Structure formats: structure tokens, C-alpha cells
Protein backbone atom coordinates (compact mmCIF):
# COMPACT_ATOMS: atom_id res chain seq x y z
CA UNK A 1 22.45 58.20 99.58
CA UNK A 2 21.47 58.75 96.03
CA UNK A 3 25.11 58.23 94.93
CA UNK A 4 25.15 54.84 96.87
CA UNK A 5 21.73 53.62 95.50
CA UNK A 6 22.64 54.19 91.82
CA UNK A 7 25.43 51.53 91.64
CA UNK A 8 23.19 49.14 93.79
CA UNK A 9 20.37 49.51 91.50
CA UNK A 10 22.65 49.04 88.40
CA UNK A 11 24.06 45.94 89.88
CA UNK A 12 20.65 44.54 90.64
CA UNK A 13 19.49 45.08 87.04
CA UNK A 14 22.77 43.36 85.77
CA UNK A 15 22.10 40.31 87.97
CA UNK A 16 18.42 40.16 86.94
CA UNK A 17 19.43 40.44 83.33
CA UNK A 18 21.71 37.34 83.81
CA UNK A 19 19.16 35.22 85.50
CA UNK A 20 17.75 32.50 83.42
CA UNK A 21 14.71 32.53 85.54
CA UNK A 22 13.96 36.17 84.86
CA UNK A 23 14.64 35.63 81.21
CA UNK A 24 12.27 32.83 81.01
CA UNK A 25 9.66 35.04 82.49
CA UNK A 26 10.22 37.57 79.96
CA UNK A 27 10.43 35.12 76.91
CA UNK A 28 7.59 32.70 78.12
CA UNK A 29 4.57 32.56 75.66
CA UNK A 30 1.44 34.43 76.35
CA UNK A 31 -0.87 32.51 78.60
CA UNK A 32 -3.97 32.71 76.56
CA UNK A 33 -6.12 31.07 78.87
CA UNK A 34 -5.62 33.95 81.37
CA UNK A 35 -7.35 36.36 78.96
CA UNK A 36 -11.02 36.29 79.08
CA UNK A 37 -12.88 35.29 75.96
CA UNK A 38 -14.65 38.25 74.01
CA UNK A 39 -16.24 36.44 71.28
CA UNK A 40 -14.99 34.96 67.81
CA UNK A 41 -14.57 35.86 64.40
CA UNK A 42 -14.89 33.85 61.25
CA UNK A 43 -13.14 35.05 58.06
CA UNK A 44 -14.14 34.61 54.54
CA UNK A 45 -12.14 31.37 54.14
CA UNK A 46 -13.97 29.80 57.06
CA UNK A 47 -11.11 30.07 59.66
CA UNK A 48 -12.62 30.77 63.12
CA UNK A 49 -10.45 32.86 65.58
CA UNK A 50 -11.17 33.11 69.37
CA UNK A 51 -10.73 36.63 70.41
CA UNK A 52 -9.00 37.63 73.88
CA UNK A 53 -9.70 40.55 76.01
CA UNK A 54 -6.51 42.49 76.86
CA UNK A 55 -4.46 40.68 74.31
CA UNK A 56 -4.05 43.67 72.17
CA UNK A 57 -2.42 45.66 75.12
CA UNK A 58 -0.15 42.86 75.57
CA UNK A 59 0.99 42.64 72.14
CA UNK A 60 1.03 46.46 71.55
CA UNK A 61 1.24 48.31 75.00
CA UNK A 62 0.11 51.73 74.81
CA UNK A 63 -1.96 51.36 71.47
CA UNK A 64 -4.50 53.86 72.84
CA UNK A 65 -2.15 56.63 72.29
CA UNK A 66 -2.56 56.42 68.52
CA UNK A 67 -6.31 56.81 68.92
CA UNK A 68 -6.17 59.54 71.42
CA UNK A 69 -3.30 61.54 70.48
CA UNK A 70 -2.56 64.56 72.66
CA UNK A 71 -0.86 67.50 71.45
CA UNK A 72 2.96 67.37 72.02
CA UNK A 73 4.00 69.79 74.86
CA UNK A 74 7.68 70.97 73.61
CA UNK A 75 9.19 71.38 76.86
CA UNK A 76 12.74 70.56 78.11
CA UNK A 77 11.78 66.96 79.25
CA UNK A 78 10.36 66.17 75.83
CA UNK A 79 13.17 67.50 73.95
CA UNK A 80 15.85 65.67 76.31
CA UNK A 81 13.92 62.50 75.81
CA UNK A 82 14.07 63.04 72.07
CA UNK A 83 17.80 63.71 72.22
CA UNK A 84 18.30 60.53 74.20
CA UNK A 85 16.52 58.38 71.60
CA UNK A 86 18.38 60.01 68.71
CA UNK A 87 21.66 59.34 70.44
CA UNK A 88 20.90 55.80 71.28
CA UNK A 89 19.58 55.12 67.71
CA UNK A 90 22.83 56.27 66.23
CA UNK A 91 24.75 54.39 68.78
CA UNK A 92 23.08 51.01 67.62
CA UNK A 93 24.44 51.52 64.02
CA UNK A 94 27.97 52.53 64.82
CA UNK A 95 29.23 49.00 65.27
CA UNK A 96 27.27 47.79 62.29
CA UNK A 97 28.70 50.32 59.93
CA UNK A 98 32.32 49.46 61.25
CA UNK A 99 31.69 45.80 59.97
CA UNK A 100 31.98 46.98 56.50
CA UNK A 101 34.91 49.21 57.03
CA UNK A 102 32.67 52.53 56.88
CA UNK A 103 32.26 55.44 59.22
CA UNK A 104 29.99 58.42 60.05
CA UNK A 105 32.82 60.78 60.36
CA UNK A 106 33.24 63.18 57.43
CA UNK A 107 30.15 61.57 55.56
CA UNK A 108 27.54 63.26 53.80
CA UNK A 109 24.55 61.65 55.16
CA UNK A 110 20.70 61.38 54.46
CA UNK A 111 18.37 60.19 56.93
CA UNK A 112 15.00 59.13 55.64
CA UNK A 113 11.97 59.58 57.69
CA UNK A 114 13.74 61.69 60.09
CA UNK A 115 10.55 63.06 61.91
CA UNK A 116 11.77 64.98 64.95
CA UNK A 117 15.36 65.32 63.66
CA UNK A 118 16.93 63.84 66.88
CA UNK A 119 18.90 61.00 65.02
CA UNK A 120 20.09 63.63 62.23
CA UNK A 121 21.41 65.95 65.00
CA UNK A 122 22.99 62.96 66.64
CA UNK A 123 24.52 61.98 63.35
CA UNK A 124 26.14 65.40 63.11
CA UNK A 125 27.41 65.31 66.62
CA UNK A 126 29.02 61.79 65.56
CA UNK A 127 31.25 63.60 63.16
CA UNK A 128 29.20 63.63 59.94
CA UNK A 129 30.37 66.40 57.30
CA UNK A 130 26.68 67.26 56.74
CA UNK A 131 23.21 65.67 57.39
CA UNK A 132 19.98 66.11 55.58
CA UNK A 133 16.85 64.92 57.39
CA UNK A 134 14.01 64.04 55.05
CA UNK A 135 10.53 63.39 56.10
CA UNK A 136 7.37 63.07 53.86
CA UNK A 137 4.65 64.92 55.87
CA UNK A 138 1.93 63.84 53.33
CA UNK A 139 2.40 60.27 54.62
CA UNK A 140 1.68 61.13 58.18
CA UNK A 141 -1.64 62.74 57.14
CA UNK A 142 -2.62 60.26 54.47
CA UNK A 143 -1.96 57.05 56.26
CA UNK A 144 -4.38 57.87 59.07
CA UNK A 145 -6.76 60.40 57.45
CA UNK A 146 -10.52 60.23 58.09
CA UNK A 147 -13.05 61.73 55.89
CA UNK A 148 -13.78 64.73 58.09
CA UNK A 149 -10.07 65.91 58.03
CA UNK A 150 -8.98 68.43 55.71
CA UNK A 151 -5.70 67.49 53.98
CA UNK A 152 -4.04 70.84 53.61
CA UNK A 153 -4.84 71.81 57.17
CA UNK A 154 -3.51 68.74 58.89
CA UNK A 155 -0.45 68.82 56.53
CA UNK A 156 0.37 72.43 57.85
CA UNK A 157 -0.07 71.50 61.32
CA UNK A 158 2.42 68.49 60.98
CA UNK A 159 4.98 70.71 59.32
CA UNK A 160 4.75 73.61 61.93
CA UNK A 161 4.94 71.15 64.78
CA UNK A 162 8.08 69.53 63.47
CA UNK A 163 9.60 72.87 62.87
CA UNK A 164 9.16 73.85 66.45
CA UNK A 165 10.45 70.41 67.79
CA UNK A 166 13.67 70.72 65.38
CA UNK A 167 14.34 74.10 66.59
CA UNK A 168 14.28 73.20 70.17
CA UNK A 169 16.46 69.98 69.57
CA UNK A 170 19.00 71.93 67.51
CA UNK A 171 20.00 74.00 70.57
CA UNK A 172 20.86 70.64 72.47
CA UNK A 173 23.47 69.38 70.00
CA UNK A 174 26.76 70.76 69.38
CA UNK A 175 26.61 70.52 65.53
CA UNK A 176 22.93 71.60 64.89
CA UNK A 177 24.27 73.89 62.14
CA UNK A 178 25.26 70.81 60.03
CA UNK A 179 21.68 69.59 59.69
CA UNK A 180 19.31 70.73 56.96
CA UNK A 181 15.62 69.33 56.69
CA UNK A 182 13.60 68.69 53.50
CA UNK A 183 10.16 67.37 52.71
CA UNK A 184 10.68 64.48 50.39
CA UNK A 185 8.92 61.36 49.42
CA UNK A 186 11.82 58.81 48.83
CA UNK A 187 9.44 56.64 46.54
CA UNK A 188 9.45 59.92 44.44
CA UNK A 189 12.52 61.71 45.42
CA UNK A 190 13.46 64.96 44.11
CA UNK A 191 16.91 65.16 45.89
CA UNK A 192 20.07 65.22 43.80
CA UNK A 193 21.55 62.00 42.59
CA UNK A 194 24.94 60.77 43.57
CA UNK A 195 25.18 63.15 46.50
CA UNK A 196 25.39 61.00 49.62
CA UNK A 197 28.12 58.84 51.32
CA UNK A 198 25.52 57.27 53.64
CA UNK A 199 21.61 56.79 53.75
CA UNK A 200 19.94 55.51 56.86
CA UNK A 201 16.60 55.22 58.54
CA UNK A 202 14.92 53.96 61.76
CA UNK A 203 11.49 52.35 61.72
CA UNK A 204 10.66 53.64 58.30
CA UNK A 205 11.02 50.85 55.73
CA UNK A 206 7.76 49.08 56.94
CA UNK A 207 5.84 52.34 55.85
CA UNK A 208 7.16 52.85 52.42
CA UNK A 209 4.36 52.61 49.96
CA UNK A 210 6.55 51.65 46.89
CA UNK A 211 9.53 49.88 48.27
CA UNK A 212 11.03 49.08 44.86
CA UNK A 213 11.06 52.67 43.71
CA UNK A 214 12.21 53.69 47.08
CA UNK A 215 15.25 51.28 46.99
CA UNK A 216 16.19 52.35 43.47
CA UNK A 217 15.86 55.98 44.44
CA UNK A 218 18.10 55.18 47.30
CA UNK A 219 20.72 53.58 45.23
CA UNK A 220 20.72 56.52 42.71
CA UNK A 221 21.17 59.01 45.67
CA UNK A 222 24.40 57.43 46.70
CA UNK A 223 27.91 58.29 45.40
CA UNK A 224 29.90 55.32 44.02
CA UNK A 225 31.23 54.32 47.53
CA UNK A 226 28.00 54.90 49.38
CA UNK A 227 26.03 52.56 51.65
CA UNK A 228 22.83 52.23 53.43
CA UNK A 229 21.85 51.17 57.05
CA UNK A 230 18.17 50.69 57.94
CA UNK A 231 16.43 49.28 61.03
CA UNK A 232 12.90 48.63 60.83
CA UNK A 233 9.85 46.64 62.46
CA UNK A 234 8.32 44.42 59.74
CA UNK A 235 4.55 44.05 59.06
CA UNK A 236 4.61 40.31 59.56
CA UNK A 237 5.97 40.18 63.19
CA UNK A 238 3.63 39.93 66.07
CA UNK A 239 3.51 43.70 66.74
CA UNK A 240 3.83 44.64 63.07
CA UNK A 241 0.27 45.71 63.01
CA UNK A 242 1.42 48.70 65.06
CA UNK A 243 -1.16 50.39 67.25
CA UNK A 244 -4.21 50.66 64.85
CA UNK A 245 -4.02 47.28 63.12
CA UNK A 246 -3.06 44.87 66.04
CA UNK A 247 -6.06 42.59 66.66
CA UNK A 248 -7.37 40.48 69.50
CA UNK A 249 -5.68 37.15 68.42
CA UNK A 250 -2.09 36.27 67.71
CA UNK A 251 -0.68 37.55 64.46
CA UNK A 252 -4.29 38.65 63.55
CA UNK A 253 -3.31 41.55 60.98
CA UNK A 254 -1.23 38.75 59.03
CA UNK A 255 -3.91 36.10 58.86
CA UNK A 256 -6.65 38.15 57.58
CA UNK A 257 -6.95 39.59 54.05
CA UNK A 258 -8.05 43.44 53.40
CA UNK A 259 -11.64 42.56 53.07
CA UNK A 260 -11.73 40.42 56.33
CA UNK A 261 -9.79 43.17 58.16
CA UNK A 262 -12.41 45.80 57.32
CA UNK A 263 -15.12 43.52 58.34
CA UNK A 264 -13.38 42.75 61.70
CA UNK A 265 -12.96 46.31 62.67
CA UNK A 266 -16.48 47.34 61.37
CA UNK A 267 -17.89 44.68 63.85
CA UNK A 268 -15.66 44.91 66.72
CA UNK A 269 -14.08 48.38 66.53
CA UNK A 270 -16.48 50.62 64.75
CA UNK A 271 -15.11 53.85 66.31
CA UNK A 272 -11.75 53.02 64.98
CA UNK A 273 -12.67 51.75 61.51
CA UNK A 274 -11.81 54.74 59.25
CA UNK A 275 -8.51 55.26 60.79
CA UNK A 276 -7.57 51.42 61.21
CA UNK A 277 -8.68 50.56 57.63
CA UNK A 278 -6.73 53.59 56.19
CA UNK A 279 -3.69 52.61 58.10
CA UNK A 280 -3.81 48.86 57.10
CA UNK A 281 -4.20 49.86 53.44
CA UNK A 282 -1.90 52.98 53.19
CA UNK A 283 0.42 52.87 56.18
CA UNK A 284 2.03 49.60 56.17
CA UNK A 285 3.67 47.68 53.17
CA UNK A 286 3.69 43.87 52.89
CA UNK A 287 7.44 43.28 52.28
CA UNK A 288 8.77 39.95 53.25
CA UNK A 289 12.37 39.09 53.84
CA UNK A 290 12.49 37.45 50.48
CA UNK A 291 10.96 40.48 48.83
CA UNK A 292 13.50 42.75 50.73
CA UNK A 293 16.64 40.85 49.37
CA UNK A 294 15.05 40.62 45.94
CA UNK A 295 14.30 44.25 45.59
CA UNK A 296 17.87 45.27 46.95
CA UNK A 297 19.57 43.20 44.48
CA UNK A 298 17.47 44.36 41.70
CA UNK A 299 18.18 48.07 42.54
CA UNK A 300 21.93 47.23 42.19
CA UNK A 301 23.16 46.96 45.74
CA UNK A 302 25.99 44.69 46.59
CA UNK A 303 27.25 43.07 49.69
CA UNK A 304 23.66 42.94 51.08
CA UNK A 305 23.46 41.89 54.72
CA UNK A 306 19.89 41.26 56.20
CA UNK A 307 20.00 40.60 59.95
CA UNK A 308 16.61 39.68 61.41
CA UNK A 309 16.47 39.62 65.16
CA UNK A 310 14.15 36.97 66.38
CA UNK A 311 12.51 37.08 69.67
CA UNK A 312 12.29 33.69 71.52
CA UNK A 313 8.91 34.35 73.07
CA UNK A 314 7.51 34.81 69.47
CA UNK A 315 9.26 31.53 68.34
CA UNK A 316 7.50 29.66 71.22
CA UNK A 317 3.98 31.20 70.20
CA UNK A 318 3.90 30.69 66.30
CA UNK A 319 2.54 27.38 65.07
CA UNK A 320 1.79 25.70 61.86
CA UNK A 321 -1.76 27.02 61.83
CA UNK A 322 -0.65 30.66 62.11
CA UNK A 323 2.01 30.12 59.34
CA UNK A 324 -0.23 28.48 56.83
CA UNK A 325 -3.13 30.96 57.42
CA UNK A 326 -0.49 33.96 56.83
CA UNK A 327 0.93 32.00 53.73
CA UNK A 328 -2.29 31.85 52.02
CA UNK A 329 -2.04 35.71 51.62
CA UNK A 330 1.59 35.92 51.31
CA UNK A 331 2.90 32.84 49.64
CA UNK A 332 6.68 33.47 49.94
CA UNK A 333 6.50 34.28 53.74
CA UNK A 334 8.68 32.03 56.10
CA UNK A 335 8.45 31.37 59.81
CA UNK A 336 11.37 33.90 60.08
CA UNK A 337 9.16 36.80 58.91
CA UNK A 338 6.82 36.02 61.82
CA UNK A 339 9.08 35.97 64.69
CA UNK A 340 11.59 38.78 63.79
CA UNK A 341 10.31 42.06 65.12
CA UNK A 342 13.59 43.98 64.30
CA UNK A 343 15.53 43.75 61.06
CA UNK A 344 18.69 45.38 60.18
CA UNK A 345 19.88 45.79 56.59
CA UNK A 346 23.29 47.13 55.42
CA UNK A 347 24.33 47.12 51.83
CA UNK A 348 26.93 49.00 49.60
CA UNK A 349 26.56 50.49 46.15
């Protein structure tokens, strides 16, 4: 019976995806009138914002998990999910790499911000000669650290957890022995220059604290025929505030300056204040698409392809007021920055 149901379910999903009616449901603008009003907020420029209860969860589902972090149980299910994520992530970049005549096979690769290492292992299983997975544990602690936390203690906890996860994942991949891990801040990298054929990352660029130095280091780490490919979730898109900085009105995190953001969370989310303000200031950079292109050119990269993936739903919701209020704080921002929740960049040395 199960064998019969599987193709039926797959066929139903396929038909649903092809249905313009279903697509319109998913891409329809949020019906703000359906969300109860929970008050208003006035910023230092005199702008007033109507706050909507439940909108935060619509913009960033599961945001509560960032505040109520539970210890990861490193069991077979968790490791299998991590492996699937890594394999899917690598699968997304293979056709992109092929467009510039490059390949993963026989390449010496650096993955920035590798975290669990699932993508690093998947790169190795895709034919890489060797893979170095780098992660800056200090960022994970600093970006959300509160005053009562002891830095060294938290740093050791992060390192130990990652070691255990990577050990478990290594056994699930064929070429786990081709992967090494290092603790390295790409903004102040200590890795050997001119060493890699390919450098990649997933959802990392938006967290770099000094993007110019990071891109220059990336350029210097590549060999003469090297290339980069990165996928990331920019600060300026609708969900770019991530779990801690998404507010109760559309594009709230982009429409407030730092002082107004702190005032907002102080009044409306006092229990989240320290972590949210820390993350807003230290965990997310403000790199527009124009900044991205300029900084890659400045670092020396060639054949720079920036691919913003827009979301129709967001295009339907953004308006002149949102754009202008954001541009007050970020003058070189365009509408495209606001409606592209995913950006892919691929460039060569």
C-alpha cells in the first residue's frame, strides 16, 4: 500500500505546484487586516508604525527557537537531517559552477562558516580532492552574548558540540577522511594564501563583520584559477532580520536605525533586549547589492555574477513608503534589495 501511495502523493504535489491558483495563494501579500493591532511605535524621525500581533511568526516562522534554544540531541535522526541538508546545499551550486566551466571534482575547497560540516562532507563525496571547513566559533558567542554569559565557557561549549556533530556526520559520508576543520575568522584569516581552487559558503555573507576584509582575504586565499560561489540571505529582505531582529511590522528591521531599534525592543520585548540588540549590532551586516558588487571588484575579482532571487509575494507587499524609510538609513539601497530573500554570487580570480 505504501509503495502505491508514494507515487500518488508525488503526483498530487506536482499538480499542486503547477496550479496557478495554489501559486497565487502562496504568493499573495499578507492580509494585514487579519492580524490584530497590538499598538503602535513612533521612531525618532516621527514615523508611526502600526504593530500587528502574529506578523512576526508569519515573516519568520519558528523565531521562538532562537530564544529558547534546546540542547541538540545528536542522534541518528538529527545526523540524517544534517546530511540531507548538506547534500541538497551542494546540489544547488553544481549547475551554477558548471556555467563558468568549473567543477567540484579534484578541487581543493574551503567552505566558510561550515558549522556542522554537512556541506563540507557532501563536497568531499562530490569528488573534491580535499575540503577545509572553517568556522569562527567566536562569532556564534559574540553575536548573541548577554552580560551574564562567560565568553570562554560558551566558546568551549560551542566547540565541543561541533566536534561531536562532525564526528557523527563523518561516519555517514564515504569520503569523510578528506575533510579537515579549522577555527578561522575569514575577516582576519590565518589560512595559507593561494591555496584553494574553490571557496564557498551558505548563509554566511550576511553575518560577516567586515565584508571588505573578508572578500580581500577570499581573493588572496584562492589560487590563480580559483573561484567563489556563495548563497546568502541579505539583511534587507523581508526575513533578513532573522529570528531575533524581525519586528511586528513589514521590513521593520530595515526602517529603524540602531537607536530606534533598541528603543523598540526595550519597550516591546524587554526580555529579548540584550540578545536582540547584540545581534542587530554584531550579527548582521548592512551590505546592499551595490556594496556587494563594489567590494568584489575592489578585491580584484573578475566575471562577477550576482543573482538576486526575488519573491513575488514580497514584490507585491513593498511600497514607496517602505522603500523611502529604508533609504533614509541606507541611501544606495534599491527595491531589489528589499525583495530578494536569496542572493547567489559566483566570481573568478
